[in-house]
Amino acid sequence: MPFGSSSFDLDKVGYLIVEQALADYAVLVTELKIQFKATQSKVVAFGGSYGGILSAYMRFKYPNVIDAALAASAPIYMLTFKGSQREFFFFAVTEDFLNADPDCPGYVVTAFEMLEMLKNQGSKGLAELSRLFKLCKPL
């Protein structure tokens, strides 16, 4: 830990934020380029998932330090979505289905309605679901 046993004291926790991490990396990259006499070299930030978000932020915040960024599987749009993470997932998946086939989201809704209907029929409906899905153990 950078501050030993006091790393989580309130006056130190402020260093554990995204902005500070980005600033630290901007300084590190700049110093490394000087140390290795590579001031004319291009720098690409890259990462996946959360690391991808950080790489994209680096490019936005420090375009003078980071020349390009590759953000693989980075849920950047989720950060601007108004709603829960779960709602965002369903929104994103529905958008993917819609882009593949405009009728697809309607088919999925209809399928879930049919599942709900069978579930609500009690043991007869559950037996039908078990049959349709060829379950090893009946519902």
Protein backbone atom coordinates (compact mmCIF):
# COMPACT_ATOMS: atom_id res chain seq x y z
CA MET A 1 0.00 0.00 0.00
CA PRO A 2 1.37 3.42 -0.91
CA PHE A 3 0.81 4.97 2.54
CA GLY A 4 1.21 1.83 4.64
CA SER A 5 -1.39 1.33 7.36
CA SER A 6 -2.77 4.84 6.78
CA SER A 7 -3.62 4.18 3.09
CA PHE A 8 -7.35 4.28 3.80
CA ASP A 9 -7.33 7.37 6.02
CA LEU A 10 -9.73 10.01 4.72
CA ASP A 11 -6.96 12.39 3.66
CA LYS A 12 -5.40 9.64 1.49
CA VAL A 13 -8.53 8.14 -0.09
CA GLY A 14 -8.76 11.06 -2.53
CA TYR A 15 -5.86 9.51 -4.41
CA LEU A 16 -8.02 6.48 -5.22
CA ILE A 17 -10.13 8.17 -7.88
CA VAL A 18 -10.14 7.83 -11.66
CA GLU A 19 -8.93 11.38 -12.24
CA GLN A 20 -5.89 10.79 -10.03
CA ALA A 21 -5.07 7.49 -11.76
CA LEU A 22 -5.23 9.22 -15.15
CA ALA A 23 -3.04 12.08 -13.95
CA ASP A 24 -0.51 9.62 -12.50
CA TYR A 25 -0.30 7.73 -15.80
CA ALA A 26 0.06 10.96 -17.78
CA VAL A 27 3.06 11.89 -15.63
CA LEU A 28 4.48 8.35 -15.86
CA VAL A 29 4.20 8.20 -19.67
CA THR A 30 5.73 11.66 -20.04
CA GLU A 31 8.65 10.79 -17.76
CA LEU A 32 9.27 7.43 -19.45
CA LYS A 33 9.40 9.10 -22.86
CA ILE A 34 12.01 11.53 -21.54
CA GLN A 35 14.02 8.84 -19.72
CA PHE A 36 14.18 6.58 -22.78
CA LYS A 37 14.74 9.47 -25.22
CA ALA A 38 11.49 8.63 -26.96
CA THR A 39 9.79 12.02 -26.87
CA GLN A 40 8.79 11.71 -30.53
CA SER A 41 7.31 8.22 -30.07
CA LYS A 42 3.59 7.69 -30.26
CA VAL A 43 1.73 6.24 -27.28
CA VAL A 44 -1.33 4.00 -27.50
CA ALA A 45 -3.38 3.31 -24.39
CA PHE A 46 -5.23 0.02 -24.38
CA GLY A 47 -7.35 -2.07 -22.07
CA GLY A 48 -10.37 -4.27 -21.76
CA SER A 49 -13.53 -3.71 -19.71
CA TYR A 50 -12.71 -1.20 -16.95
CA GLY A 51 -9.17 -0.86 -18.28
CA GLY A 52 -10.70 -0.03 -21.64
CA ILE A 53 -12.73 2.76 -20.10
CA LEU A 54 -9.56 4.15 -18.54
CA SER A 55 -7.69 3.97 -21.85
CA ALA A 56 -10.47 5.91 -23.60
CA TYR A 57 -10.54 8.47 -20.77
CA MET A 58 -6.76 8.87 -21.10
CA ARG A 59 -7.13 9.76 -24.75
CA PHE A 60 -9.94 12.25 -24.01
CA LYS A 61 -8.27 13.86 -21.01
CA TYR A 62 -4.63 13.81 -22.19
CA PRO A 63 -4.58 13.96 -26.02
CA ASN A 64 -1.17 15.64 -25.74
CA VAL A 65 0.20 12.48 -24.05
CA ILE A 66 -1.87 9.64 -25.55
CA ASP A 67 -1.99 9.48 -29.36
CA ALA A 68 -4.56 6.69 -29.67
CA ALA A 69 -6.62 4.40 -27.47
CA LEU A 70 -8.05 0.94 -27.90
CA ALA A 71 -10.96 0.28 -25.56
CA ALA A 72 -11.96 -3.38 -25.90
CA SER A 73 -15.26 -4.46 -24.35
CA ALA A 74 -15.41 -1.17 -22.49
CA PRO A 75 -18.93 -0.30 -21.28
CA ILE A 76 -18.47 3.42 -21.90
CA TYR A 77 -22.07 4.05 -22.96
CA MET A 78 -23.26 2.52 -19.70
CA LEU A 79 -21.77 5.45 -17.81
CA THR A 80 -24.18 7.90 -19.46
CA PHE A 81 -27.22 5.61 -19.26
CA LYS A 82 -29.92 6.81 -16.88
CA GLY A 83 -31.00 3.68 -15.05
CA SER A 84 -29.63 0.60 -13.40
CA GLN A 85 -26.87 -1.62 -14.73
CA ARG A 86 -29.46 -4.35 -15.25
CA GLU A 87 -31.70 -2.03 -17.28
CA PHE A 88 -28.69 -1.01 -19.38
CA PHE A 89 -27.93 -4.66 -20.15
CA PHE A 90 -31.47 -5.28 -21.41
CA PHE A 91 -31.39 -2.01 -23.39
CA ALA A 92 -28.06 -2.93 -25.03
CA VAL A 93 -29.13 -6.49 -25.87
CA THR A 94 -32.43 -5.27 -27.32
CA GLU A 95 -30.53 -2.77 -29.48
CA ASP A 96 -28.30 -5.59 -30.76
CA PHE A 97 -31.33 -7.71 -31.62
CA LEU A 98 -32.99 -4.74 -33.32
CA ASN A 99 -29.90 -4.10 -35.44
CA ALA A 100 -29.80 -7.76 -36.51
CA ASP A 101 -33.51 -7.94 -37.39
CA PRO A 102 -36.12 -5.24 -36.70
CA ASP A 103 -38.69 -7.94 -35.83
CA CYS A 104 -36.43 -9.74 -33.36
CA PRO A 105 -37.24 -7.73 -30.18
CA GLY A 106 -40.95 -8.42 -30.76
CA TYR A 107 -40.25 -12.14 -31.09
CA VAL A 108 -38.33 -12.12 -27.81
CA VAL A 109 -41.16 -10.28 -26.03
CA THR A 110 -43.69 -12.78 -27.41
CA ALA A 111 -41.52 -15.72 -26.32
CA PHE A 112 -41.26 -14.38 -22.77
CA GLU A 113 -45.02 -13.82 -22.68
CA MET A 114 -45.51 -17.45 -23.72
CA LEU A 115 -43.08 -18.64 -21.02
CA GLU A 116 -44.95 -16.60 -18.42
CA MET A 117 -48.29 -18.00 -19.61
CA LEU A 118 -47.04 -21.59 -19.33
CA LYS A 119 -45.53 -20.91 -15.92
CA ASN A 120 -48.86 -19.54 -14.69
CA GLN A 121 -50.68 -22.74 -15.75
CA GLY A 122 -49.20 -24.55 -12.78
CA SER A 123 -47.97 -28.14 -13.01
CA LYS A 124 -49.40 -28.65 -16.52
CA GLY A 125 -47.55 -25.60 -17.85
CA LEU A 126 -44.33 -26.55 -16.06
CA ALA A 127 -44.53 -30.05 -17.54
CA GLU A 128 -44.91 -28.49 -21.00
CA LEU A 129 -41.88 -26.24 -20.42
CA SER A 130 -39.87 -29.27 -19.29
CA ARG A 131 -40.87 -31.07 -22.47
CA LEU A 132 -40.19 -28.13 -24.79
CA PHE A 133 -36.74 -27.47 -23.33
CA LYS A 134 -35.94 -31.19 -22.98
CA LEU A 135 -34.90 -30.68 -19.38
CA CYS A 136 -33.01 -33.47 -17.63
CA LYS A 137 -34.94 -32.77 -14.44
CA PRO A 138 -38.59 -31.64 -14.77
CA LEU A 139 -39.64 -28.29 -13.34
